[in-house]
Amino acid sequence: MSATAPALRSLPDRLRQIALFEVGGLLLITPPFVWLSGVPPKESLTLLAVLALMAAVWNGVYNSSYDWIEGRLTGRTADRRPWPLRILHAAGFEGGLLLMTLPVIVWWTTMGWIEALVADLGLAAAYTAYAFVFNVAYDRLFPIEPRAH
C-alpha cells in the first residue's frame, strides 16, 4: 500500500468525463438498439436516456470509488492504469450496471426477463467495449494533474 495517495480527477473533470461518455454512448447505441430490439425509436431513446441517467450516477460512484481504492493500493493515478486493470474496470462497471438496469428494461418494455436479459447483455457488451476505448482516449486527452505539495 502506498504511503502517498495519488491525485484524483477534480469534480469538473469527472462531470465532463461522465457527460461525454453518456452523450457519446447514446449517439452510438440508440440506432442499433432500435434495430435489434424492435422497440420503437422514441420509446428506445427515452428508455436509453433513463438508463444513461442511471449509468451517469453509477459512473460517478463506481469510477471515483475504483480510482480511490486503486490509488490507495498502488499509488498510481487512474490515467496510468495497466491494461488488465482497465479490462477489469470496464467489466466491473458494466456488470454492476446490468444488475440495476435489467428490471427497468423489463418494466419499461413488453420484453420478458429473458428477452430483456439478452437486450441488456447486448447493451452491456457494446458499452463495455465503448467504455474501454472511451476511458483510454479520455485518459490520454485529459491526464490527471498532479497534486500541488
Protein backbone atom coordinates (compact mmCIF):
# COMPACT_ATOMS: atom_id res chain seq x y z
CA MET A 1 0.00 0.00 0.00
CA SER A 2 1.32 3.40 -0.95
CA ALA A 3 2.02 5.98 1.74
CA THR A 4 1.05 8.85 -0.55
CA ALA A 5 -2.35 8.77 -2.20
CA PRO A 6 -2.28 9.90 -5.83
CA ALA A 7 -4.38 12.76 -7.16
CA LEU A 8 -7.92 12.00 -8.28
CA ARG A 9 -9.88 13.70 -11.04
CA SER A 10 -11.41 17.01 -10.00
CA LEU A 11 -15.20 17.28 -9.81
CA PRO A 12 -15.41 19.37 -13.02
CA ASP A 13 -13.17 16.85 -14.80
CA ARG A 14 -15.28 13.91 -13.54
CA LEU A 15 -18.50 15.65 -14.64
CA ARG A 16 -17.01 16.30 -18.10
CA GLN A 17 -15.96 12.65 -18.32
CA ILE A 18 -19.46 11.42 -17.39
CA ALA A 19 -21.25 13.83 -19.75
CA LEU A 20 -19.03 12.98 -22.73
CA PHE A 21 -19.32 9.27 -22.04
CA GLU A 22 -23.12 9.26 -21.78
CA VAL A 23 -23.79 11.53 -24.78
CA GLY A 24 -21.39 9.53 -26.93
CA GLY A 25 -22.95 6.29 -25.75
CA LEU A 26 -26.47 7.43 -26.62
CA LEU A 27 -25.38 8.51 -30.09
CA LEU A 28 -23.63 5.20 -30.75
CA ILE A 29 -26.00 2.74 -29.10
CA THR A 30 -29.54 4.01 -29.81
CA PRO A 31 -29.68 3.17 -33.55
CA PRO A 32 -28.57 -0.47 -33.21
CA PHE A 33 -30.81 -0.92 -30.13
CA VAL A 34 -33.86 0.24 -32.10
CA TRP A 35 -32.97 -2.06 -34.99
CA LEU A 36 -32.20 -5.16 -32.88
CA SER A 37 -34.85 -4.82 -30.14
CA GLY A 38 -37.84 -3.84 -32.24
CA VAL A 39 -38.70 -1.21 -29.61
CA PRO A 40 -39.95 1.96 -31.39
CA PRO A 41 -37.35 4.75 -31.76
CA LYS A 42 -38.99 7.28 -29.40
CA GLU A 43 -39.53 4.66 -26.70
CA SER A 44 -35.98 3.33 -27.22
CA LEU A 45 -34.43 6.78 -26.94
CA THR A 46 -36.42 7.56 -23.79
CA LEU A 47 -35.54 4.20 -22.22
CA LEU A 48 -31.87 4.57 -23.15
CA ALA A 49 -31.85 8.13 -21.76
CA VAL A 50 -33.22 6.81 -18.43
CA LEU A 51 -30.61 4.05 -18.48
CA ALA A 52 -27.95 6.67 -19.31
CA LEU A 53 -29.01 8.73 -16.29
CA MET A 54 -28.73 5.63 -14.12
CA ALA A 55 -25.36 4.92 -15.71
CA ALA A 56 -24.19 8.50 -15.12
CA VAL A 57 -24.85 8.22 -11.39
CA TRP A 58 -23.25 4.77 -11.30
CA ASN A 59 -20.34 6.13 -13.37
CA GLY A 60 -19.52 8.80 -10.81
CA VAL A 61 -19.82 6.44 -7.84
CA TYR A 62 -18.04 3.49 -9.45
CA ASN A 63 -15.18 5.40 -11.11
CA SER A 64 -14.46 7.59 -8.10
CA SER A 65 -14.51 4.56 -5.78
CA TYR A 66 -12.42 2.40 -8.12
CA ASP A 67 -9.88 5.19 -8.63
CA TRP A 68 -9.70 5.88 -4.89
CA ILE A 69 -9.19 2.21 -3.97
CA GLU A 70 -6.69 1.58 -6.76
CA GLY A 71 -4.79 4.74 -5.88
CA ARG A 72 -4.55 3.78 -2.22
CA LEU A 73 -3.38 0.26 -3.07
CA THR A 74 -0.90 1.13 -5.82
CA GLY A 75 -0.06 4.82 -5.52
CA ARG A 76 -0.90 5.13 -9.22
CA THR A 77 -3.33 7.58 -10.81
CA ALA A 78 -6.16 6.22 -12.96
CA ASP A 79 -4.65 7.54 -16.18
CA ARG A 80 -1.69 5.22 -15.59
CA ARG A 81 -3.87 2.11 -15.11
CA PRO A 82 -2.40 -1.01 -16.80
CA TRP A 83 -4.39 -2.88 -19.48
CA PRO A 84 -5.52 -5.83 -17.31
CA LEU A 85 -6.97 -3.45 -14.71
CA ARG A 86 -8.64 -1.42 -17.47
CA ILE A 87 -10.42 -4.58 -18.61
CA LEU A 88 -11.44 -5.42 -15.04
CA HIS A 89 -12.57 -1.81 -14.53
CA ALA A 90 -14.79 -1.79 -17.65
CA ALA A 91 -16.28 -5.23 -16.91
CA GLY A 92 -17.00 -4.33 -13.27
CA PHE A 93 -18.73 -1.14 -14.28
CA GLU A 94 -20.97 -2.89 -16.82
CA GLY A 95 -21.68 -5.85 -14.53
CA GLY A 96 -22.91 -3.56 -11.76
CA LEU A 97 -24.95 -1.53 -14.19
CA LEU A 98 -26.54 -4.68 -15.64
CA LEU A 99 -27.90 -5.60 -12.21
CA MET A 100 -29.54 -2.17 -11.90
CA THR A 101 -30.90 -1.82 -15.43
CA LEU A 102 -32.42 -5.24 -16.12
CA PRO A 103 -35.56 -4.63 -14.01
CA VAL A 104 -36.02 -1.22 -15.69
CA ILE A 105 -35.90 -2.74 -19.18
CA VAL A 106 -38.45 -5.41 -18.20
CA TRP A 107 -40.77 -2.81 -16.66
CA TRP A 108 -40.39 -0.26 -19.50
CA THR A 109 -40.84 -2.58 -22.47
CA THR A 110 -43.03 -5.55 -23.29
CA MET A 111 -39.96 -7.79 -23.13
CA GLY A 112 -39.91 -10.78 -20.81
CA TRP A 113 -37.00 -11.32 -18.43
CA ILE A 114 -35.03 -13.48 -20.88
CA GLU A 115 -35.53 -11.08 -23.81
CA ALA A 116 -34.61 -8.16 -21.56
CA LEU A 117 -31.55 -10.00 -20.29
CA VAL A 118 -30.39 -10.64 -23.87
CA ALA A 119 -31.00 -6.96 -24.74
CA ASP A 120 -29.25 -5.80 -21.56
CA LEU A 121 -26.31 -8.15 -22.19
CA GLY A 122 -26.07 -6.72 -25.71
CA LEU A 123 -26.07 -3.20 -24.28
CA ALA A 124 -23.51 -4.24 -21.65
CA ALA A 125 -21.21 -5.80 -24.28
CA ALA A 126 -21.44 -2.74 -26.51
CA TYR A 127 -20.91 -0.35 -23.60
CA THR A 128 -18.03 -2.42 -22.17
CA ALA A 129 -16.13 -2.09 -25.43
CA TYR A 130 -17.11 1.58 -25.66
CA ALA A 131 -16.11 2.22 -22.02
CA PHE A 132 -12.72 0.64 -22.59
CA VAL A 133 -11.97 2.73 -25.69
CA PHE A 134 -13.53 5.89 -24.24
CA ASN A 135 -11.57 5.73 -20.97
CA VAL A 136 -8.25 5.10 -22.70
CA ALA A 137 -8.90 8.06 -25.00
CA TYR A 138 -10.15 10.27 -22.17
CA ASP A 139 -7.10 9.49 -20.02
CA ARG A 140 -4.80 10.38 -22.92
CA LEU A 141 -6.66 13.60 -23.80
CA PHE A 142 -7.20 14.71 -20.18
CA PRO A 143 -4.39 13.40 -17.94
CA ILE A 144 -4.81 13.86 -14.21
CA GLU A 145 -2.97 16.90 -12.89
CA PRO A 146 -0.53 16.07 -10.08
CA ARG A 147 -1.32 17.42 -6.64
CA ALA A 148 0.44 20.56 -5.56
CA HIS A 149 2.58 19.95 -2.48
